[in-house]
Amino acid sequence: MNLKAALEHKSKEIGFDLFGVADLARLEAVEFPPDRGLKRPSEIMPDVRSVLIMGFVIWDEAMNAAVNARAGEHGFFNFYREITEMLAWRLADWLRENTGARTVPTHEVQEKVAAYLAGLGCISRSTLVVTPAYGSRVRWVALLTMTELEPDLPYTRDLCAEQPLCQGTPLCFKTCPSGAIGPGRDNDMPPRGEVIMDRCIIEHATDRNPDPKCDRYLARLSELGYLECTRCSLACPYSQSIEGTIIRERRGLC
């Protein structure tokens, strides 16, 4: 088994559901919107040679729990980000122990574009990556490493255009309670999409005087803790397949 295949096997053993290697040069070159806290891989690791991207299926909505302080850049804690980063560090440790290569997990690169470039899914109207097996109920984390690996080919299908239920107006657009999913495009990877961040329910979760309409779509856990609105993700027809398979399996129902 070569190193790339061994990494994929280990990533599944650790708990990831999807694994791929993105084209580093293309990920470095892609434009991205400002003020999102995103960086190019080389800004995080100057000697990076490969970008691994792993996906973790959200099989329980409790994994979307978050606590977000109203002030301070270190005041955000999100359950699925912590899960994916923890698993990524395990894979990084395995790679370091077996090859000696320096490896750094990160959420700061364009993870969704990396997933597209690694052939794992297409970018939808809502900017979420839609995967054929799990829809958009997947959260991503990248692993930057000095080890050089052969990149996968970009995803070629447009799952949104193929989906009969999303002809005309996609279900994610219809389902968004705040009209945050717009018609524009915020990266150069097809089929592209845009989220008008100021309209997104999650952006207003910690407002001092939250709009009652906003609170209808958040499950409040505490004054500043909540379950993220995931209506667009749950509405994705491709996401429905995991209800009768992975979710039942992981809840011990089959």
C-alpha atoms as a PDB file:
ATOM      1  CA  MET A   1       0.000   0.000   0.000  1.00  0.00           C
ATOM      2  CA  ASN A   2       1.468   3.379  -1.005  1.00  0.00           C
ATOM      3  CA  LEU A   3       1.504   6.334   1.371  1.00  0.00           C
ATOM      4  CA  LYS A   4      -1.548   8.056  -0.089  1.00  0.00           C
ATOM      5  CA  ALA A   5      -3.627   4.888   0.143  1.00  0.00           C
ATOM      6  CA  ALA A   6      -2.336   4.294   3.670  1.00  0.00           C
ATOM      7  CA  LEU A   7      -3.325   7.836   4.660  1.00  0.00           C
ATOM      8  CA  GLU A   8      -6.831   7.352   3.304  1.00  0.00           C
ATOM      9  CA  HIS A   9      -7.157   4.045   5.161  1.00  0.00           C
ATOM     10  CA  LYS A  10      -5.904   5.625   8.383  1.00  0.00           C
ATOM     11  CA  SER A  11      -8.220   8.623   8.011  1.00  0.00           C
ATOM     12  CA  LYS A  12     -11.244   6.302   7.764  1.00  0.00           C
ATOM     13  CA  GLU A  13      -9.963   4.285  10.732  1.00  0.00           C
ATOM     14  CA  ILE A  14      -9.685   7.488  12.786  1.00  0.00           C
ATOM     15  CA  GLY A  15     -13.243   8.531  11.989  1.00  0.00           C
ATOM     16  CA  PHE A  16     -13.301  10.578   8.782  1.00  0.00           C
ATOM     17  CA  ASP A  17     -15.765   9.628   6.054  1.00  0.00           C
ATOM     18  CA  LEU A  18     -14.092  11.303   3.063  1.00  0.00           C
ATOM     19  CA  PHE A  19     -10.464  11.812   2.071  1.00  0.00           C
ATOM     20  CA  GLY A  20      -8.712  13.459  -0.845  1.00  0.00           C
ATOM     21  CA  VAL A  21      -5.656  15.432  -1.914  1.00  0.00           C
ATOM     22  CA  ALA A  22      -6.237  18.859  -3.469  1.00  0.00           C
ATOM     23  CA  ASP A  23      -4.084  20.394  -6.189  1.00  0.00           C
ATOM     24  CA  LEU A  24      -1.859  22.769  -4.201  1.00  0.00           C
ATOM     25  CA  ALA A  25      -1.103  25.120  -7.113  1.00  0.00           C
ATOM     26  CA  ARG A  26      -4.779  25.580  -7.942  1.00  0.00           C
ATOM     27  CA  LEU A  27      -5.716  26.110  -4.303  1.00  0.00           C
ATOM     28  CA  GLU A  28      -2.966  28.717  -3.982  1.00  0.00           C
ATOM     29  CA  ALA A  29      -4.250  30.570  -7.048  1.00  0.00           C
ATOM     30  CA  VAL A  30      -7.974  30.639  -6.304  1.00  0.00           C
ATOM     31  CA  GLU A  31      -9.474  33.987  -5.351  1.00  0.00           C
ATOM     32  CA  PHE A  32     -11.600  34.216  -2.262  1.00  0.00           C
ATOM     33  CA  PRO A  33     -13.755  36.848  -0.596  1.00  0.00           C
ATOM     34  CA  PRO A  34     -12.142  39.206   1.922  1.00  0.00           C
ATOM     35  CA  ASP A  35     -12.878  39.357   5.637  1.00  0.00           C
ATOM     36  CA  ARG A  36     -13.432  35.613   6.032  1.00  0.00           C
ATOM     37  CA  GLY A  37     -10.181  34.891   7.876  1.00  0.00           C
ATOM     38  CA  LEU A  38      -8.969  32.648   5.049  1.00  0.00           C
ATOM     39  CA  LYS A  39      -5.369  32.129   3.982  1.00  0.00           C
ATOM     40  CA  ARG A  40      -3.447  30.421   1.224  1.00  0.00           C
ATOM     41  CA  PRO A  41      -1.718  27.183   2.284  1.00  0.00           C
ATOM     42  CA  SER A  42       1.736  28.732   1.866  1.00  0.00           C
ATOM     43  CA  GLU A  43       0.805  31.548   4.254  1.00  0.00           C
ATOM     44  CA  ILE A  44       0.285  28.935   6.961  1.00  0.00           C
ATOM     45  CA  MET A  45       3.147  26.593   6.013  1.00  0.00           C
ATOM     46  CA  PRO A  46       5.717  28.079   3.613  1.00  0.00           C
ATOM     47  CA  ASP A  47       7.202  24.655   2.828  1.00  0.00           C
ATOM     48  CA  VAL A  48       3.858  22.931   2.197  1.00  0.00           C
ATOM     49  CA  ARG A  49       3.927  20.300  -0.552  1.00  0.00           C
ATOM     50  CA  SER A  50       0.463  18.755  -0.292  1.00  0.00           C
ATOM     51  CA  VAL A  51      -3.005  19.633   0.997  1.00  0.00           C
ATOM     52  CA  LEU A  52      -5.050  16.754   2.361  1.00  0.00           C
ATOM     53  CA  ILE A  53      -8.759  17.387   2.856  1.00  0.00           C
ATOM     54  CA  MET A  54     -10.955  15.194   5.053  1.00  0.00           C
ATOM     55  CA  GLY A  55     -14.717  15.196   5.494  1.00  0.00           C
ATOM     56  CA  PHE A  56     -16.701  14.248   8.601  1.00  0.00           C
ATOM     57  CA  VAL A  57     -20.415  13.487   8.271  1.00  0.00           C
ATOM     58  CA  ILE A  58     -22.714  15.342  10.669  1.00  0.00           C
ATOM     59  CA  TRP A  59     -24.903  12.427  11.673  1.00  0.00           C
ATOM     60  CA  ASP A  60     -26.361  14.155  14.722  1.00  0.00           C
ATOM     61  CA  GLU A  61     -27.514  17.783  14.812  1.00  0.00           C
ATOM     62  CA  ALA A  62     -25.948  18.197  18.276  1.00  0.00           C
ATOM     63  CA  MET A  63     -22.608  18.339  16.462  1.00  0.00           C
ATOM     64  CA  ASN A  64     -23.653  21.786  15.195  1.00  0.00           C
ATOM     65  CA  ALA A  65     -23.482  23.257  18.712  1.00  0.00           C
ATOM     66  CA  ALA A  66     -21.571  26.518  19.081  1.00  0.00           C
ATOM     67  CA  VAL A  67     -20.768  29.142  21.690  1.00  0.00           C
ATOM     68  CA  ASN A  68     -19.816  32.536  20.341  1.00  0.00           C
ATOM     69  CA  ALA A  69     -18.787  35.438  22.576  1.00  0.00           C
ATOM     70  CA  ARG A  70     -19.903  38.904  21.537  1.00  0.00           C
ATOM     71  CA  ALA A  71     -16.366  40.285  21.674  1.00  0.00           C
ATOM     72  CA  GLY A  72     -12.875  38.896  21.213  1.00  0.00           C
ATOM     73  CA  GLU A  73     -11.428  36.876  18.365  1.00  0.00           C
ATOM     74  CA  HIS A  74     -10.854  33.849  20.605  1.00  0.00           C
ATOM     75  CA  GLY A  75     -14.424  33.638  21.808  1.00  0.00           C
ATOM     76  CA  PHE A  76     -15.824  31.130  19.286  1.00  0.00           C
ATOM     77  CA  PHE A  77     -16.150  27.422  20.016  1.00  0.00           C
ATOM     78  CA  ASN A  78     -17.832  25.062  17.601  1.00  0.00           C
ATOM     79  CA  PHE A  79     -18.321  21.357  18.247  1.00  0.00           C
ATOM     80  CA  TYR A  80     -17.762  20.056  14.707  1.00  0.00           C
ATOM     81  CA  ARG A  81     -14.674  22.238  14.232  1.00  0.00           C
ATOM     82  CA  GLU A  82     -13.211  20.782  17.414  1.00  0.00           C
ATOM     83  CA  ILE A  83     -14.095  17.224  16.330  1.00  0.00           C
ATOM     84  CA  THR A  84     -12.545  17.559  12.877  1.00  0.00           C
ATOM     85  CA  GLU A  85      -9.409  19.283  14.172  1.00  0.00           C
ATOM     86  CA  MET A  86      -8.932  16.656  16.884  1.00  0.00           C
ATOM     87  CA  LEU A  87      -9.190  13.847  14.318  1.00  0.00           C
ATOM     88  CA  ALA A  88      -6.866  15.717  11.945  1.00  0.00           C
ATOM     89  CA  TRP A  89      -4.204  15.977  14.661  1.00  0.00           C
ATOM     90  CA  ARG A  90      -4.378  12.188  15.080  1.00  0.00           C
ATOM     91  CA  LEU A  91      -3.747  11.769  11.353  1.00  0.00           C
ATOM     92  CA  ALA A  92      -0.953  14.370  11.501  1.00  0.00           C
ATOM     93  CA  ASP A  93       0.700  12.484  14.356  1.00  0.00           C
ATOM     94  CA  TRP A  94       0.480   9.213  12.399  1.00  0.00           C
ATOM     95  CA  LEU A  95       2.058  10.811   9.323  1.00  0.00           C
ATOM     96  CA  ARG A  96       4.838  12.401  11.385  1.00  0.00           C
ATOM     97  CA  GLU A  97       5.593   9.128  13.191  1.00  0.00           C
ATOM     98  CA  ASN A  98       5.754   7.198   9.923  1.00  0.00           C
ATOM     99  CA  THR A  99       7.523   9.707   7.665  1.00  0.00           C
ATOM    100  CA  GLY A 100       8.954  12.413   9.915  1.00  0.00           C
ATOM    101  CA  ALA A 101       7.154  15.041   7.826  1.00  0.00           C
ATOM    102  CA  ARG A 102       5.915  18.209   9.498  1.00  0.00           C
ATOM    103  CA  THR A 103       2.128  18.320   9.181  1.00  0.00           C
ATOM    104  CA  VAL A 104      -0.337  20.995  10.323  1.00  0.00           C
ATOM    105  CA  PRO A 105      -4.155  20.738  10.532  1.00  0.00           C
ATOM    106  CA  THR A 106      -6.035  23.928   9.673  1.00  0.00           C
ATOM    107  CA  HIS A 107      -9.492  25.389   9.108  1.00  0.00           C
ATOM    108  CA  GLU A 108      -8.049  28.566   7.600  1.00  0.00           C
ATOM    109  CA  VAL A 109      -7.662  27.478   3.957  1.00  0.00           C
ATOM    110  CA  GLN A 110     -10.550  27.295   1.505  1.00  0.00           C
ATOM    111  CA  GLU A 111     -11.718  23.887   2.650  1.00  0.00           C
ATOM    112  CA  LYS A 112     -14.736  23.735   0.355  1.00  0.00           C
ATOM    113  CA  VAL A 113     -12.662  24.569  -2.706  1.00  0.00           C
ATOM    114  CA  ALA A 114     -10.079  22.017  -1.565  1.00  0.00           C
ATOM    115  CA  ALA A 115     -12.815  19.370  -1.344  1.00  0.00           C
ATOM    116  CA  TYR A 116     -13.929  20.208  -4.889  1.00  0.00           C
ATOM    117  CA  LEU A 117     -10.351  20.091  -6.171  1.00  0.00           C
ATOM    118  CA  ALA A 118      -9.849  16.724  -4.448  1.00  0.00           C
ATOM    119  CA  GLY A 119     -12.808  15.271  -6.342  1.00  0.00           C
ATOM    120  CA  LEU A 120     -15.083  14.872  -3.327  1.00  0.00           C
ATOM    121  CA  GLY A 121     -18.063  16.963  -4.426  1.00  0.00           C
ATOM    122  CA  CYS A 122     -19.344  20.073  -6.161  1.00  0.00           C
ATOM    123  CA  ILE A 123     -19.875  23.527  -4.701  1.00  0.00           C
ATOM    124  CA  SER A 124     -23.573  24.292  -4.516  1.00  0.00           C
ATOM    125  CA  ARG A 125     -25.627  27.466  -4.720  1.00  0.00           C
ATOM    126  CA  SER A 126     -25.389  27.719  -0.920  1.00  0.00           C
ATOM    127  CA  THR A 127     -21.563  27.442  -1.196  1.00  0.00           C
ATOM    128  CA  LEU A 128     -21.685  24.149   0.704  1.00  0.00           C
ATOM    129  CA  VAL A 129     -19.963  21.172  -0.900  1.00  0.00           C
ATOM    130  CA  VAL A 130     -22.519  18.618  -2.054  1.00  0.00           C
ATOM    131  CA  THR A 131     -21.185  15.062  -2.025  1.00  0.00           C
ATOM    132  CA  PRO A 132     -22.962  12.220  -3.816  1.00  0.00           C
ATOM    133  CA  ALA A 133     -23.108   9.953  -0.761  1.00  0.00           C
ATOM    134  CA  TYR A 134     -23.752  12.434   2.055  1.00  0.00           C
ATOM    135  CA  GLY A 135     -25.087  15.562   0.425  1.00  0.00           C
ATOM    136  CA  SER A 136     -23.936  18.704   2.213  1.00  0.00           C
ATOM    137  CA  ARG A 137     -24.027  17.240   5.731  1.00  0.00           C
ATOM    138  CA  VAL A 138     -20.228  17.105   5.782  1.00  0.00           C
ATOM    139  CA  ARG A 139     -17.740  19.313   7.623  1.00  0.00           C
ATOM    140  CA  TRP A 140     -14.170  19.655   6.407  1.00  0.00           C
ATOM    141  CA  VAL A 141     -10.654  20.085   7.730  1.00  0.00           C
ATOM    142  CA  ALA A 142      -7.383  20.419   5.831  1.00  0.00           C
ATOM    143  CA  LEU A 143      -3.985  18.946   6.608  1.00  0.00           C
ATOM    144  CA  LEU A 144      -0.921  20.729   5.242  1.00  0.00           C
ATOM    145  CA  THR A 145       2.181  18.589   4.954  1.00  0.00           C
ATOM    146  CA  MET A 146       5.744  18.657   3.653  1.00  0.00           C
ATOM    147  CA  THR A 147       5.118  15.225   2.121  1.00  0.00           C
ATOM    148  CA  GLU A 148       4.496  15.358  -1.630  1.00  0.00           C
ATOM    149  CA  LEU A 149       1.433  13.378  -2.713  1.00  0.00           C
ATOM    150  CA  GLU A 150      -0.275  13.016  -6.074  1.00  0.00           C
ATOM    151  CA  PRO A 151      -3.354  15.284  -6.117  1.00  0.00           C
ATOM    152  CA  ASP A 152      -6.752  13.952  -7.072  1.00  0.00           C
ATOM    153  CA  LEU A 153      -8.674  15.305 -10.043  1.00  0.00           C
ATOM    154  CA  PRO A 154     -11.372  17.941  -9.472  1.00  0.00           C
ATOM    155  CA  TYR A 155     -15.001  16.848  -9.244  1.00  0.00           C
ATOM    156  CA  THR A 156     -16.607  16.967 -12.676  1.00  0.00           C
ATOM    157  CA  ARG A 157     -20.331  16.446 -12.052  1.00  0.00           C
ATOM    158  CA  ASP A 158     -22.809  19.211 -11.234  1.00  0.00           C
ATOM    159  CA  LEU A 159     -24.978  17.371  -8.722  1.00  0.00           C
ATOM    160  CA  CYS A 160     -27.274  20.361  -8.269  1.00  0.00           C
ATOM    161  CA  ALA A 161     -28.068  20.538 -11.993  1.00  0.00           C
ATOM    162  CA  GLU A 162     -28.660  16.762 -12.075  1.00  0.00           C
ATOM    163  CA  GLN A 163     -31.083  16.822  -9.139  1.00  0.00           C
ATOM    164  CA  PRO A 164     -34.742  16.824 -10.359  1.00  0.00           C
ATOM    165  CA  LEU A 165     -35.967  18.436  -7.119  1.00  0.00           C
ATOM    166  CA  CYS A 166     -33.639  21.411  -7.607  1.00  0.00           C
ATOM    167  CA  GLN A 167     -34.538  22.377 -11.149  1.00  0.00           C
ATOM    168  CA  GLY A 168     -35.379  26.068 -11.403  1.00  0.00           C
ATOM    169  CA  THR A 169     -35.053  27.157  -7.786  1.00  0.00           C
ATOM    170  CA  PRO A 170     -32.824  24.881  -5.653  1.00  0.00           C
ATOM    171  CA  LEU A 171     -34.264  23.554  -2.398  1.00  0.00           C
ATOM    172  CA  CYS A 172     -31.497  25.210  -0.355  1.00  0.00           C
ATOM    173  CA  PHE A 173     -32.579  28.579  -1.766  1.00  0.00           C
ATOM    174  CA  LYS A 174     -36.252  27.885  -1.030  1.00  0.00           C
ATOM    175  CA  THR A 175     -35.524  26.672   2.487  1.00  0.00           C
ATOM    176  CA  CYS A 176     -33.262  29.507   3.682  1.00  0.00           C
ATOM    177  CA  PRO A 177     -35.437  31.428   6.174  1.00  0.00           C
ATOM    178  CA  SER A 178     -33.590  34.729   5.756  1.00  0.00           C
ATOM    179  CA  GLY A 179     -32.880  34.876   2.032  1.00  0.00           C
ATOM    180  CA  ALA A 180     -29.147  34.614   2.678  1.00  0.00           C
ATOM    181  CA  ILE A 181     -28.483  32.416  -0.346  1.00  0.00           C
ATOM    182  CA  GLY A 182     -28.050  34.828  -3.224  1.00  0.00           C
ATOM    183  CA  PRO A 183     -27.592  34.580  -6.980  1.00  0.00           C
ATOM    184  CA  GLY A 184     -23.967  35.763  -7.082  1.00  0.00           C
ATOM    185  CA  ARG A 185     -20.693  33.895  -6.982  1.00  0.00           C
ATOM    186  CA  ASP A 186     -17.928  34.089  -4.412  1.00  0.00           C
ATOM    187  CA  ASN A 187     -15.235  31.831  -5.826  1.00  0.00           C
ATOM    188  CA  ASP A 188     -14.127  30.594  -9.216  1.00  0.00           C
ATOM    189  CA  MET A 189     -15.031  26.957  -8.730  1.00  0.00           C
ATOM    190  CA  PRO A 190     -18.186  25.710 -10.507  1.00  0.00           C
ATOM    191  CA  PRO A 191     -21.107  25.660  -9.983  1.00  0.00           C
ATOM    192  CA  ARG A 192     -20.383  28.530  -7.593  1.00  0.00           C
ATOM    193  CA  GLY A 193     -22.623  30.289  -5.154  1.00  0.00           C
ATOM    194  CA  GLU A 194     -22.926  33.087  -2.700  1.00  0.00           C
ATOM    195  CA  VAL A 195     -24.127  33.529   0.848  1.00  0.00           C
ATOM    196  CA  ILE A 196     -25.019  37.066   1.854  1.00  0.00           C
ATOM    197  CA  MET A 197     -23.408  36.792   5.248  1.00  0.00           C
ATOM    198  CA  ASP A 198     -25.248  39.679   6.883  1.00  0.00           C
ATOM    199  CA  ARG A 199     -28.525  37.874   6.224  1.00  0.00           C
ATOM    200  CA  CYS A 200     -27.393  34.478   7.491  1.00  0.00           C
ATOM    201  CA  ILE A 201     -29.164  33.422  10.700  1.00  0.00           C
ATOM    202  CA  ILE A 202     -25.898  32.233  12.257  1.00  0.00           C
ATOM    203  CA  GLU A 203     -24.300  35.675  11.881  1.00  0.00           C
ATOM    204  CA  HIS A 204     -26.910  37.108  14.252  1.00  0.00           C
ATOM    205  CA  ALA A 205     -26.897  34.329  16.845  1.00  0.00           C
ATOM    206  CA  THR A 206     -25.169  36.504  19.453  1.00  0.00           C
ATOM    207  CA  ASP A 207     -26.828  39.861  18.767  1.00  0.00           C
ATOM    208  CA  ARG A 208     -27.601  41.693  22.001  1.00  0.00           C
ATOM    209  CA  ASN A 209     -31.180  42.176  20.882  1.00  0.00           C
ATOM    210  CA  PRO A 210     -31.777  39.221  18.553  1.00  0.00           C
ATOM    211  CA  ASP A 211     -34.601  39.383  16.065  1.00  0.00           C
ATOM    212  CA  PRO A 212     -37.359  36.973  17.168  1.00  0.00           C
ATOM    213  CA  LYS A 213     -37.503  35.715  13.572  1.00  0.00           C
ATOM    214  CA  CYS A 214     -33.835  34.750  13.878  1.00  0.00           C
ATOM    215  CA  ASP A 215     -34.374  32.907  17.139  1.00  0.00           C
ATOM    216  CA  ARG A 216     -37.050  30.752  15.554  1.00  0.00           C
ATOM    217  CA  TYR A 217     -34.356  28.976  13.569  1.00  0.00           C
ATOM    218  CA  LEU A 218     -31.762  28.572  16.329  1.00  0.00           C
ATOM    219  CA  ALA A 219     -31.968  26.067  19.160  1.00  0.00           C
ATOM    220  CA  ARG A 220     -30.790  28.121  22.136  1.00  0.00           C
ATOM    221  CA  LEU A 221     -28.595  26.214  24.571  1.00  0.00           C
ATOM    222  CA  SER A 222     -27.623  29.215  26.695  1.00  0.00           C
ATOM    223  CA  GLU A 223     -27.412  32.994  26.323  1.00  0.00           C
ATOM    224  CA  LEU A 224     -24.550  32.677  23.833  1.00  0.00           C
ATOM    225  CA  GLY A 225     -24.762  28.971  22.989  1.00  0.00           C
ATOM    226  CA  TYR A 226     -26.906  27.606  20.171  1.00  0.00           C
ATOM    227  CA  LEU A 227     -27.311  24.981  17.490  1.00  0.00           C
ATOM    228  CA  GLU A 228     -26.487  26.459  14.104  1.00  0.00           C
ATOM    229  CA  CYS A 229     -29.243  26.828  11.529  1.00  0.00           C
ATOM    230  CA  THR A 230     -28.690  24.006   9.016  1.00  0.00           C
ATOM    231  CA  ARG A 231     -31.895  24.224   7.016  1.00  0.00           C
ATOM    232  CA  CYS A 232     -30.105  24.491   3.670  1.00  0.00           C
ATOM    233  CA  SER A 233     -28.019  21.420   4.457  1.00  0.00           C
ATOM    234  CA  LEU A 234     -30.961  19.353   5.700  1.00  0.00           C
ATOM    235  CA  ALA A 235     -32.994  20.292   2.623  1.00  0.00           C
ATOM    236  CA  CYS A 236     -30.373  18.981   0.194  1.00  0.00           C
ATOM    237  CA  PRO A 237     -31.863  15.866  -1.491  1.00  0.00           C
ATOM    238  CA  TYR A 238     -28.474  14.153  -1.471  1.00  0.00           C
ATOM    239  CA  SER A 239     -28.342  14.524   2.311  1.00  0.00           C
ATOM    240  CA  GLN A 240     -31.420  12.360   2.754  1.00  0.00           C
ATOM    241  CA  SER A 241     -29.560   9.146   1.936  1.00  0.00           C
ATOM    242  CA  ILE A 242     -27.702   9.156   5.241  1.00  0.00           C
ATOM    243  CA  GLU A 243     -30.920   9.029   7.275  1.00  0.00           C
ATOM    244  CA  GLY A 244     -31.440   5.355   6.553  1.00  0.00           C
ATOM    245  CA  THR A 245     -27.784   4.328   6.519  1.00  0.00           C
ATOM    246  CA  ILE A 246     -25.034   6.099   8.433  1.00  0.00           C
ATOM    247  CA  ILE A 247     -27.330   7.748  10.996  1.00  0.00           C
ATOM    248  CA  ARG A 248     -29.152   4.534  11.875  1.00  0.00           C
ATOM    249  CA  GLU A 249     -25.864   2.655  12.019  1.00  0.00           C
ATOM    250  CA  ARG A 250     -24.162   5.140  14.343  1.00  0.00           C
ATOM    251  CA  ARG A 251     -27.163   5.323  16.621  1.00  0.00           C
ATOM    252  CA  GLY A 252     -27.134   1.542  16.918  1.00  0.00           C
ATOM    253  CA  LEU A 253     -30.460   1.070  15.130  1.00  0.00           C
ATOM    254  CA  CYS A 254     -29.233  -1.475  12.593  1.00  0.00           C
END
